[in-house]
Amino acid sequence: VRVSSCCEVLDLDKGVDERLVRLGRQQTLEFAVELTAVEIDLGEQRLSRRQQMQPPDAAVVMREAAIDACVAVQARQTLDETRFLLDLAARYPFIAGVVGWVDLRAPDLDDQLAELSSHHKLAGFRHIVQAEPDDFLLGEVFGRGVTKLERYGFAYDILIYPRQLPAAIDFAAALPAQRLVLDHLGKPDIRGN
């Protein structure tokens, strides 16, 4: 079975912050491997990653590429979008999981997580930290919210820019039991700019 968005543990090599190497040896960190190319070459058909598709359209493209399943990941920080993605996952079996959003600083977070935990395809949550100050992950209220995810078996996806990696390393080190996913490998500067 091929899945379009998968997780794997990477070997940490030279040039990586030594704290990340030590952390990688102490706990399992999962890294989301996602397609970041502007176009995916499917022979005669070219698909722009900005092209909007409905699930039946995506199923055709996935089948042609020999991809059996995908994970729907939130792009907007709203509960409405999380519920929309969960509804799609319930209707389309090839959507194997959902990474949604919930306000991890909300006073009623426990109630929201209890309600959302009834969705068996909900894998975890993310906050678009790349749009926040560099030390956002280290906020006490936010961190307390993330610690509540473990009790439900939810992962937390870390969506950051490279400049936020030091805070992300400290964040991960403070949460040894929490399953974490580093989205887009931390968005390294692959163009070398």
N, C-alpha and C. Protein backbone atom coordinates (compact mmCIF):
# COMPACT_ATOMS: atom_id res chain seq x y z
N VAL A 1 0.85 -1.18 0.00
CA VAL A 1 0.00 0.00 0.00
C VAL A 1 0.89 1.23 0.00
N ARG A 2 0.67 2.13 -0.94
CA ARG A 2 1.40 3.39 -0.96
C ARG A 2 0.49 4.48 -0.42
N VAL A 3 1.01 5.29 0.45
CA VAL A 3 0.25 6.40 1.03
C VAL A 3 0.94 7.68 0.61
N SER A 4 0.16 8.68 0.21
CA SER A 4 0.76 9.90 -0.34
C SER A 4 1.45 10.76 0.70
N SER A 5 1.08 10.65 1.93
CA SER A 5 1.75 11.38 2.99
C SER A 5 2.09 10.35 4.06
N CYS A 6 3.36 10.12 4.26
CA CYS A 6 3.74 9.06 5.19
C CYS A 6 4.72 9.61 6.22
N CYS A 7 4.96 8.81 7.21
CA CYS A 7 5.92 9.21 8.25
C CYS A 7 7.03 8.19 8.30
N GLU A 8 8.24 8.66 8.55
CA GLU A 8 9.37 7.76 8.71
C GLU A 8 10.36 8.41 9.67
N VAL A 9 11.11 7.59 10.33
CA VAL A 9 12.17 8.10 11.19
C VAL A 9 13.40 8.27 10.32
N LEU A 10 13.99 9.44 10.33
CA LEU A 10 15.14 9.75 9.49
C LEU A 10 16.42 9.58 10.28
N ASP A 11 17.49 9.18 9.57
CA ASP A 11 18.81 9.20 10.18
C ASP A 11 19.25 10.65 10.28
N LEU A 12 19.70 11.03 11.43
CA LEU A 12 20.16 12.40 11.63
C LEU A 12 21.65 12.44 11.36
N ASP A 13 22.08 13.30 10.48
CA ASP A 13 23.45 13.31 9.97
C ASP A 13 24.13 14.63 10.32
N LYS A 14 25.36 14.79 9.81
CA LYS A 14 26.14 16.01 10.04
C LYS A 14 25.35 17.24 9.60
N GLY A 15 25.63 18.35 10.23
CA GLY A 15 25.00 19.60 9.86
C GLY A 15 23.68 19.84 10.58
N VAL A 16 23.25 18.89 11.40
CA VAL A 16 22.01 19.03 12.14
C VAL A 16 22.37 19.45 13.56
N ASP A 17 21.59 20.33 14.12
CA ASP A 17 21.82 20.79 15.49
C ASP A 17 22.04 19.59 16.41
N GLU A 18 23.14 19.60 17.17
CA GLU A 18 23.50 18.46 18.02
C GLU A 18 22.40 18.13 19.03
N ARG A 19 21.65 19.14 19.48
CA ARG A 19 20.56 18.86 20.41
C ARG A 19 19.49 17.99 19.74
N LEU A 20 19.25 18.20 18.45
CA LEU A 20 18.28 17.39 17.72
C LEU A 20 18.77 15.97 17.58
N VAL A 21 20.06 15.78 17.35
CA VAL A 21 20.62 14.44 17.25
C VAL A 21 20.43 13.70 18.57
N ARG A 22 20.77 14.36 19.69
CA ARG A 22 20.60 13.72 21.00
C ARG A 22 19.13 13.41 21.25
N LEU A 23 18.25 14.35 20.93
CA LEU A 23 16.83 14.16 21.13
C LEU A 23 16.33 12.99 20.29
N GLY A 24 16.82 12.89 19.05
CA GLY A 24 16.42 11.81 18.16
C GLY A 24 16.80 10.45 18.72
N ARG A 25 17.88 10.37 19.49
CA ARG A 25 18.29 9.10 20.10
C ARG A 25 17.45 8.79 21.33
N GLN A 26 16.90 9.82 21.96
CA GLN A 26 16.16 9.61 23.20
C GLN A 26 14.70 9.26 22.96
N GLN A 27 14.12 9.74 21.89
CA GLN A 27 12.72 9.47 21.63
C GLN A 27 12.51 9.37 20.13
N THR A 28 11.45 8.74 19.74
CA THR A 28 11.15 8.60 18.32
C THR A 28 10.46 9.87 17.85
N LEU A 29 11.05 10.50 16.86
CA LEU A 29 10.42 11.65 16.22
C LEU A 29 9.99 11.21 14.84
N GLU A 30 8.77 11.51 14.46
CA GLU A 30 8.32 11.17 13.14
C GLU A 30 8.36 12.43 12.29
N PHE A 31 8.75 12.25 11.06
CA PHE A 31 8.84 13.37 10.14
C PHE A 31 7.86 13.16 9.00
N ALA A 32 6.97 14.10 8.78
CA ALA A 32 6.03 13.97 7.67
C ALA A 32 6.79 14.25 6.38
N VAL A 33 6.69 13.33 5.46
CA VAL A 33 7.32 13.49 4.16
C VAL A 33 6.21 13.85 3.19
N GLU A 34 6.25 15.05 2.69
CA GLU A 34 5.19 15.53 1.83
C GLU A 34 5.76 16.01 0.51
N LEU A 35 4.95 15.90 -0.52
CA LEU A 35 5.36 16.41 -1.81
C LEU A 35 5.37 17.94 -1.76
N THR A 36 6.45 18.54 -2.17
CA THR A 36 6.52 20.00 -2.16
C THR A 36 6.78 20.56 -3.55
N ALA A 37 6.87 19.71 -4.55
CA ALA A 37 7.09 20.19 -5.91
C ALA A 37 5.87 20.98 -6.38
N VAL A 38 6.11 21.96 -7.23
CA VAL A 38 5.00 22.76 -7.75
C VAL A 38 4.12 21.90 -8.65
N GLU A 39 4.72 20.98 -9.37
CA GLU A 39 3.93 20.11 -10.23
C GLU A 39 4.31 18.66 -9.99
N ILE A 40 3.33 17.80 -10.09
CA ILE A 40 3.55 16.36 -10.00
C ILE A 40 3.38 15.83 -11.40
N ASP A 41 4.38 15.18 -11.93
CA ASP A 41 4.33 14.67 -13.29
C ASP A 41 3.65 13.31 -13.30
N LEU A 42 2.50 13.22 -13.92
CA LEU A 42 1.77 11.97 -14.04
C LEU A 42 1.65 11.59 -15.51
N GLY A 43 2.76 11.67 -16.22
CA GLY A 43 2.75 11.36 -17.64
C GLY A 43 2.14 12.50 -18.42
N GLU A 44 1.03 12.25 -19.07
CA GLU A 44 0.37 13.28 -19.87
C GLU A 44 -0.28 14.36 -19.02
N GLN A 45 -0.63 14.00 -17.79
CA GLN A 45 -1.36 14.93 -16.93
C GLN A 45 -0.39 15.60 -15.95
N ARG A 46 -0.48 16.91 -15.81
CA ARG A 46 0.31 17.63 -14.84
C ARG A 46 -0.65 18.25 -13.84
N LEU A 47 -0.31 18.11 -12.58
CA LEU A 47 -1.19 18.59 -11.51
C LEU A 47 -0.46 19.67 -10.73
N SER A 48 -0.97 20.87 -10.77
CA SER A 48 -0.41 21.93 -9.95
C SER A 48 -0.84 21.69 -8.52
N ARG A 49 0.07 21.88 -7.56
CA ARG A 49 -0.31 21.64 -6.17
C ARG A 49 -1.31 22.67 -5.70
N ARG A 50 -1.47 23.76 -6.41
CA ARG A 50 -2.45 24.77 -6.04
C ARG A 50 -3.82 24.48 -6.65
N GLN A 51 -3.90 23.49 -7.50
CA GLN A 51 -5.16 23.14 -8.14
C GLN A 51 -6.09 22.54 -7.10
N GLN A 52 -7.28 23.08 -7.01
CA GLN A 52 -8.24 22.54 -6.05
C GLN A 52 -8.92 21.33 -6.65
N MET A 53 -9.06 20.30 -5.86
CA MET A 53 -9.69 19.07 -6.30
C MET A 53 -10.70 18.63 -5.27
N GLN A 54 -11.74 18.04 -5.75
CA GLN A 54 -12.70 17.38 -4.87
C GLN A 54 -12.24 15.93 -4.71
N PRO A 55 -12.68 15.24 -3.67
CA PRO A 55 -12.21 13.87 -3.45
C PRO A 55 -12.35 12.93 -4.66
N PRO A 56 -13.46 12.95 -5.42
CA PRO A 56 -13.51 12.05 -6.58
C PRO A 56 -12.41 12.36 -7.61
N ASP A 57 -12.08 13.64 -7.80
CA ASP A 57 -11.00 14.02 -8.72
C ASP A 57 -9.66 13.53 -8.19
N ALA A 58 -9.45 13.70 -6.89
CA ALA A 58 -8.20 13.25 -6.28
C ALA A 58 -8.06 11.74 -6.38
N ALA A 59 -9.16 11.01 -6.25
CA ALA A 59 -9.11 9.54 -6.33
C ALA A 59 -8.60 9.09 -7.69
N VAL A 60 -9.01 9.78 -8.76
CA VAL A 60 -8.56 9.43 -10.11
C VAL A 60 -7.06 9.64 -10.23
N VAL A 61 -6.58 10.80 -9.82
CA VAL A 61 -5.15 11.12 -9.91
C VAL A 61 -4.34 10.16 -9.04
N MET A 62 -4.82 9.87 -7.84
CA MET A 62 -4.11 8.96 -6.95
C MET A 62 -4.03 7.56 -7.55
N ARG A 63 -5.13 7.10 -8.13
CA ARG A 63 -5.14 5.76 -8.74
C ARG A 63 -4.12 5.69 -9.87
N GLU A 64 -4.06 6.73 -10.71
CA GLU A 64 -3.10 6.76 -11.82
C GLU A 64 -1.66 6.76 -11.32
N ALA A 65 -1.44 7.31 -10.14
CA ALA A 65 -0.09 7.37 -9.56
C ALA A 65 0.19 6.18 -8.63
N ALA A 66 -0.72 5.22 -8.58
CA ALA A 66 -0.59 4.04 -7.73
C ALA A 66 -0.51 4.42 -6.24
N ILE A 67 -1.27 5.41 -5.85
CA ILE A 67 -1.36 5.83 -4.44
C ILE A 67 -2.70 5.37 -3.92
N ASP A 68 -2.68 4.60 -2.85
CA ASP A 68 -3.89 3.99 -2.32
C ASP A 68 -4.64 4.85 -1.30
N ALA A 69 -3.93 5.71 -0.62
CA ALA A 69 -4.57 6.46 0.46
C ALA A 69 -3.85 7.80 0.66
N CYS A 70 -4.54 8.70 1.34
CA CYS A 70 -3.93 10.00 1.65
C CYS A 70 -4.37 10.44 3.04
N VAL A 71 -3.71 11.46 3.53
CA VAL A 71 -4.06 12.08 4.80
C VAL A 71 -4.47 13.52 4.49
N ALA A 72 -5.65 13.90 4.94
CA ALA A 72 -6.14 15.27 4.75
C ALA A 72 -5.61 16.11 5.91
N VAL A 73 -4.95 17.22 5.57
CA VAL A 73 -4.33 18.07 6.59
C VAL A 73 -4.92 19.47 6.49
N GLN A 74 -5.26 20.02 7.63
CA GLN A 74 -5.88 21.34 7.68
C GLN A 74 -4.99 22.42 7.10
N ALA A 75 -5.64 23.44 6.52
CA ALA A 75 -4.92 24.61 6.03
C ALA A 75 -5.41 25.88 6.74
N ARG A 76 -6.60 25.81 7.31
CA ARG A 76 -7.16 26.95 8.03
C ARG A 76 -7.33 26.55 9.50
N GLN A 77 -7.13 27.48 10.36
CA GLN A 77 -7.19 27.21 11.79
C GLN A 77 -8.60 27.44 12.31
N THR A 78 -9.49 26.52 11.89
CA THR A 78 -10.88 26.59 12.34
C THR A 78 -11.38 25.19 12.65
N LEU A 79 -12.26 25.09 13.62
CA LEU A 79 -12.91 23.81 13.91
C LEU A 79 -13.82 23.40 12.77
N ASP A 80 -14.39 24.40 12.07
CA ASP A 80 -15.26 24.08 10.93
C ASP A 80 -14.48 23.31 9.88
N GLU A 81 -13.25 23.71 9.59
CA GLU A 81 -12.48 22.98 8.59
C GLU A 81 -12.13 21.58 9.09
N THR A 82 -11.78 21.44 10.36
CA THR A 82 -11.50 20.13 10.92
C THR A 82 -12.71 19.22 10.76
N ARG A 83 -13.89 19.72 11.07
CA ARG A 83 -15.11 18.91 10.94
C ARG A 83 -15.40 18.60 9.47
N PHE A 84 -15.13 19.54 8.57
CA PHE A 84 -15.30 19.32 7.13
C PHE A 84 -14.39 18.19 6.66
N LEU A 85 -13.12 18.20 7.06
CA LEU A 85 -12.19 17.15 6.66
C LEU A 85 -12.59 15.80 7.25
N LEU A 86 -13.09 15.80 8.47
CA LEU A 86 -13.55 14.55 9.08
C LEU A 86 -14.77 13.99 8.35
N ASP A 87 -15.64 14.89 7.89
CA ASP A 87 -16.80 14.46 7.11
C ASP A 87 -16.34 13.83 5.79
N LEU A 88 -15.38 14.46 5.12
CA LEU A 88 -14.84 13.88 3.87
C LEU A 88 -14.22 12.52 4.14
N ALA A 89 -13.47 12.40 5.22
CA ALA A 89 -12.82 11.12 5.54
C ALA A 89 -13.85 10.04 5.81
N ALA A 90 -14.98 10.40 6.40
CA ALA A 90 -16.04 9.42 6.66
C ALA A 90 -16.69 8.96 5.36
N ARG A 91 -16.76 9.85 4.38
CA ARG A 91 -17.42 9.51 3.11
C ARG A 91 -16.50 8.86 2.08
N TYR A 92 -15.18 9.09 2.18
CA TYR A 92 -14.24 8.59 1.18
C TYR A 92 -13.19 7.71 1.86
N PRO A 93 -13.27 6.40 1.66
CA PRO A 93 -12.36 5.47 2.34
C PRO A 93 -10.88 5.71 2.05
N PHE A 94 -10.54 6.30 0.89
CA PHE A 94 -9.12 6.51 0.59
C PHE A 94 -8.52 7.65 1.41
N ILE A 95 -9.33 8.42 2.12
CA ILE A 95 -8.79 9.40 3.07
C ILE A 95 -8.58 8.63 4.37
N ALA A 96 -7.32 8.23 4.58
CA ALA A 96 -6.99 7.33 5.69
C ALA A 96 -6.92 8.03 7.03
N GLY A 97 -6.71 9.33 7.02
CA GLY A 97 -6.59 10.05 8.28
C GLY A 97 -6.73 11.54 8.08
N VAL A 98 -6.90 12.24 9.18
CA VAL A 98 -7.07 13.70 9.18
C VAL A 98 -6.16 14.29 10.25
N VAL A 99 -5.45 15.34 9.87
CA VAL A 99 -4.75 16.19 10.83
C VAL A 99 -5.53 17.49 10.85
N GLY A 100 -6.17 17.76 11.96
CA GLY A 100 -7.05 18.92 12.07
C GLY A 100 -6.45 20.03 12.91
N TRP A 101 -7.30 20.93 13.31
CA TRP A 101 -6.91 22.05 14.16
C TRP A 101 -7.91 22.13 15.31
N VAL A 102 -7.41 22.45 16.45
CA VAL A 102 -8.21 22.79 17.62
C VAL A 102 -7.41 23.84 18.37
N ASP A 103 -8.09 24.76 19.02
CA ASP A 103 -7.39 25.80 19.77
C ASP A 103 -6.82 25.17 21.04
N LEU A 104 -5.53 24.90 21.01
CA LEU A 104 -4.88 24.23 22.13
C LEU A 104 -4.75 25.12 23.36
N ARG A 105 -5.15 26.38 23.24
CA ARG A 105 -5.12 27.30 24.38
C ARG A 105 -6.53 27.56 24.93
N ALA A 106 -7.54 26.91 24.35
CA ALA A 106 -8.93 27.16 24.74
C ALA A 106 -9.22 26.63 26.14
N PRO A 107 -10.02 27.36 26.93
CA PRO A 107 -10.36 26.90 28.27
C PRO A 107 -11.19 25.60 28.25
N ASP A 108 -11.93 25.36 27.16
CA ASP A 108 -12.75 24.15 27.07
C ASP A 108 -12.09 23.07 26.19
N LEU A 109 -10.76 23.08 26.13
CA LEU A 109 -10.04 22.13 25.29
C LEU A 109 -10.38 20.68 25.62
N ASP A 110 -10.48 20.35 26.90
CA ASP A 110 -10.79 18.97 27.28
C ASP A 110 -12.12 18.51 26.66
N ASP A 111 -13.13 19.36 26.70
CA ASP A 111 -14.43 19.01 26.11
C ASP A 111 -14.33 18.85 24.60
N GLN A 112 -13.58 19.74 23.96
CA GLN A 112 -13.42 19.66 22.50
C GLN A 112 -12.70 18.37 22.10
N LEU A 113 -11.64 18.02 22.81
CA LEU A 113 -10.89 16.80 22.51
C LEU A 113 -11.75 15.56 22.74
N ALA A 114 -12.53 15.57 23.80
CA ALA A 114 -13.41 14.42 24.07
C ALA A 114 -14.40 14.24 22.93
N GLU A 115 -14.96 15.33 22.45
CA GLU A 115 -15.92 15.26 21.33
C GLU A 115 -15.23 14.80 20.05
N LEU A 116 -14.09 15.36 19.75
CA LEU A 116 -13.38 15.03 18.50
C LEU A 116 -12.79 13.61 18.52
N SER A 117 -12.53 13.08 19.69
CA SER A 117 -11.91 11.76 19.78
C SER A 117 -12.83 10.65 19.29
N SER A 118 -14.09 10.94 19.08
CA SER A 118 -15.02 9.92 18.55
C SER A 118 -14.78 9.64 17.07
N HIS A 119 -13.99 10.45 16.40
CA HIS A 119 -13.70 10.27 14.98
C HIS A 119 -12.44 9.40 14.84
N HIS A 120 -12.62 8.17 14.39
CA HIS A 120 -11.50 7.22 14.36
C HIS A 120 -10.42 7.57 13.34
N LYS A 121 -10.72 8.42 12.37
CA LYS A 121 -9.70 8.80 11.38
C LYS A 121 -8.92 10.06 11.78
N LEU A 122 -9.27 10.64 12.90
CA LEU A 122 -8.54 11.83 13.37
C LEU A 122 -7.22 11.39 13.98
N ALA A 123 -6.12 11.77 13.32
CA ALA A 123 -4.78 11.34 13.75
C ALA A 123 -4.12 12.33 14.68
N GLY A 124 -4.44 13.61 14.54
CA GLY A 124 -3.79 14.61 15.36
C GLY A 124 -4.17 16.01 14.95
N PHE A 125 -3.36 16.95 15.45
CA PHE A 125 -3.65 18.37 15.24
C PHE A 125 -2.37 19.13 14.92
N ARG A 126 -2.55 20.29 14.31
CA ARG A 126 -1.42 21.20 14.14
C ARG A 126 -1.91 22.63 14.23
N HIS A 127 -0.99 23.49 14.58
CA HIS A 127 -1.20 24.92 14.61
C HIS A 127 -0.18 25.49 13.62
N ILE A 128 -0.54 26.50 12.88
CA ILE A 128 0.37 27.05 11.88
C ILE A 128 1.37 27.96 12.60
N VAL A 129 2.32 27.31 13.26
CA VAL A 129 3.31 27.99 14.09
C VAL A 129 4.22 28.86 13.24
N GLN A 130 4.41 28.51 11.97
CA GLN A 130 5.29 29.31 11.10
C GLN A 130 4.81 30.76 11.02
N ALA A 131 3.55 31.03 11.30
CA ALA A 131 3.00 32.39 11.26
C ALA A 131 3.06 33.09 12.62
N GLU A 132 3.65 32.42 13.60
CA GLU A 132 3.70 32.94 14.96
C GLU A 132 5.12 33.39 15.31
N PRO A 133 5.29 34.11 16.43
CA PRO A 133 6.64 34.45 16.89
C PRO A 133 7.49 33.20 17.09
N ASP A 134 8.79 33.33 16.95
CA ASP A 134 9.69 32.18 16.99
C ASP A 134 9.59 31.34 18.26
N ASP A 135 9.22 31.94 19.39
CA ASP A 135 9.15 31.20 20.66
C ASP A 135 7.73 30.74 21.00
N PHE A 136 6.82 30.80 20.04
CA PHE A 136 5.41 30.46 20.28
C PHE A 136 5.25 29.07 20.90
N LEU A 137 5.98 28.07 20.39
CA LEU A 137 5.85 26.70 20.89
C LEU A 137 6.18 26.58 22.38
N LEU A 138 6.94 27.54 22.91
CA LEU A 138 7.38 27.46 24.30
C LEU A 138 6.40 28.12 25.28
N GLY A 139 5.27 28.62 24.75
CA GLY A 139 4.27 29.24 25.61
C GLY A 139 3.66 28.22 26.57
N GLU A 140 3.51 28.62 27.82
CA GLU A 140 3.04 27.70 28.86
C GLU A 140 1.64 27.16 28.59
N VAL A 141 0.70 28.02 28.22
CA VAL A 141 -0.67 27.58 27.99
C VAL A 141 -0.74 26.67 26.76
N PHE A 142 -0.02 27.02 25.70
CA PHE A 142 0.01 26.20 24.50
C PHE A 142 0.60 24.82 24.81
N GLY A 143 1.72 24.79 25.51
CA GLY A 143 2.36 23.53 25.87
C GLY A 143 1.46 22.64 26.72
N ARG A 144 0.73 23.27 27.64
CA ARG A 144 -0.20 22.52 28.49
C ARG A 144 -1.30 21.88 27.62
N GLY A 145 -1.74 22.62 26.59
CA GLY A 145 -2.74 22.07 25.68
C GLY A 145 -2.21 20.88 24.90
N VAL A 146 -0.98 20.97 24.42
CA VAL A 146 -0.39 19.87 23.66
C VAL A 146 -0.27 18.62 24.53
N THR A 147 0.03 18.79 25.80
CA THR A 147 0.17 17.61 26.68
C THR A 147 -1.14 16.84 26.81
N LYS A 148 -2.26 17.47 26.55
CA LYS A 148 -3.56 16.80 26.64
C LYS A 148 -3.82 15.87 25.46
N LEU A 149 -3.07 16.02 24.38
CA LEU A 149 -3.29 15.20 23.18
C LEU A 149 -2.91 13.75 23.42
N GLU A 150 -1.88 13.52 24.21
CA GLU A 150 -1.39 12.16 24.44
C GLU A 150 -2.47 11.25 25.01
N ARG A 151 -3.26 11.76 25.91
CA ARG A 151 -4.31 10.95 26.55
C ARG A 151 -5.30 10.38 25.53
N TYR A 152 -5.46 11.06 24.38
CA TYR A 152 -6.37 10.59 23.34
C TYR A 152 -5.64 9.87 22.20
N GLY A 153 -4.33 9.78 22.30
CA GLY A 153 -3.55 9.13 21.25
C GLY A 153 -3.32 9.99 20.02
N PHE A 154 -3.52 11.29 20.15
CA PHE A 154 -3.33 12.21 19.02
C PHE A 154 -1.88 12.65 18.91
N ALA A 155 -1.43 12.79 17.68
CA ALA A 155 -0.11 13.36 17.39
C ALA A 155 -0.24 14.88 17.35
N TYR A 156 0.90 15.55 17.47
CA TYR A 156 0.94 16.99 17.24
C TYR A 156 1.92 17.23 16.09
N ASP A 157 1.44 17.88 15.03
CA ASP A 157 2.28 18.23 13.88
C ASP A 157 2.90 19.61 14.10
N ILE A 158 4.21 19.68 13.95
CA ILE A 158 4.95 20.94 14.13
C ILE A 158 5.18 21.54 12.76
N LEU A 159 4.53 22.67 12.48
CA LEU A 159 4.67 23.37 11.20
C LEU A 159 5.44 24.66 11.44
N ILE A 160 6.72 24.63 11.08
CA ILE A 160 7.62 25.75 11.38
C ILE A 160 8.50 26.09 10.19
N TYR A 161 9.17 27.21 10.31
CA TYR A 161 10.26 27.59 9.42
C TYR A 161 11.58 27.24 10.11
N PRO A 162 12.67 27.15 9.36
CA PRO A 162 13.96 26.78 9.97
C PRO A 162 14.37 27.66 11.15
N ARG A 163 14.05 28.94 11.10
CA ARG A 163 14.46 29.84 12.20
C ARG A 163 13.78 29.46 13.52
N GLN A 164 12.69 28.67 13.45
CA GLN A 164 11.96 28.27 14.65
C GLN A 164 12.41 26.90 15.16
N LEU A 165 13.36 26.27 14.48
CA LEU A 165 13.82 24.94 14.87
C LEU A 165 14.39 24.89 16.29
N PRO A 166 15.19 25.86 16.74
CA PRO A 166 15.68 25.78 18.13
C PRO A 166 14.54 25.69 19.15
N ALA A 167 13.50 26.50 18.97
CA ALA A 167 12.35 26.43 19.90
C ALA A 167 11.64 25.09 19.76
N ALA A 168 11.55 24.57 18.54
CA ALA A 168 10.88 23.28 18.32
C ALA A 168 11.64 22.14 19.01
N ILE A 169 12.96 22.23 19.01
CA ILE A 169 13.77 21.21 19.68
C ILE A 169 13.51 21.25 21.19
N ASP A 170 13.49 22.44 21.77
CA ASP A 170 13.20 22.57 23.20
C ASP A 170 11.78 22.09 23.51
N PHE A 171 10.83 22.42 22.63
CA PHE A 171 9.44 21.99 22.76
C PHE A 171 9.37 20.46 22.79
N ALA A 172 10.01 19.81 21.83
CA ALA A 172 10.00 18.35 21.75
C ALA A 172 10.67 17.72 22.96
N ALA A 173 11.76 18.30 23.40
CA ALA A 173 12.48 17.76 24.56
C ALA A 173 11.63 17.80 25.82
N ALA A 174 10.74 18.79 25.92
CA ALA A 174 9.89 18.93 27.09
C ALA A 174 8.68 17.99 27.05
N LEU A 175 8.47 17.30 25.91
CA LEU A 175 7.30 16.43 25.74
C LEU A 175 7.73 15.02 25.31
N PRO A 176 8.50 14.32 26.13
CA PRO A 176 9.06 13.03 25.69
C PRO A 176 8.02 11.96 25.36
N ALA A 177 6.83 12.04 25.92
CA ALA A 177 5.81 11.02 25.67
C ALA A 177 4.89 11.38 24.50
N GLN A 178 4.92 12.62 24.05
CA GLN A 178 4.01 13.07 23.00
C GLN A 178 4.54 12.69 21.62
N ARG A 179 3.69 12.07 20.79
CA ARG A 179 4.06 11.75 19.41
C ARG A 179 4.04 13.05 18.61
N LEU A 180 5.17 13.37 17.99
CA LEU A 180 5.33 14.62 17.25
C LEU A 180 5.68 14.33 15.80
N VAL A 181 5.19 15.17 14.90
CA VAL A 181 5.50 15.07 13.49
C VAL A 181 6.03 16.43 13.05
N LEU A 182 7.20 16.44 12.43
CA LEU A 182 7.77 17.68 11.91
C LEU A 182 7.35 17.81 10.45
N ASP A 183 6.39 18.68 10.19
CA ASP A 183 5.85 18.85 8.84
C ASP A 183 6.89 19.44 7.90
N HIS A 184 6.88 18.95 6.68
CA HIS A 184 7.75 19.47 5.61
C HIS A 184 9.22 19.47 6.00
N LEU A 185 9.61 18.58 6.93
CA LEU A 185 11.00 18.51 7.40
C LEU A 185 11.49 19.86 7.93
N GLY A 186 10.59 20.67 8.43
CA GLY A 186 10.96 21.98 8.97
C GLY A 186 11.20 23.02 7.88
N LYS A 187 10.75 22.72 6.66
CA LYS A 187 10.86 23.64 5.52
C LYS A 187 12.28 24.16 5.31
N PRO A 188 13.25 23.27 5.11
CA PRO A 188 14.61 23.74 4.87
C PRO A 188 14.69 24.56 3.58
N ASP A 189 15.68 25.42 3.51
CA ASP A 189 15.88 26.27 2.34
C ASP A 189 16.53 25.42 1.25
N ILE A 190 15.73 24.73 0.46
CA ILE A 190 16.26 23.83 -0.55
C ILE A 190 16.79 24.57 -1.77
N ARG A 191 16.43 25.83 -1.91
CA ARG A 191 16.95 26.64 -3.02
C ARG A 191 18.30 27.25 -2.67
N GLY A 192 18.66 27.23 -1.40
CA GLY A 192 19.95 27.76 -0.97
C GLY A 192 20.01 29.28 -0.95
N ASN A 193 18.87 29.91 -0.77
CA ASN A 193 18.83 31.39 -0.72
C ASN A 193 19.12 31.89 0.68
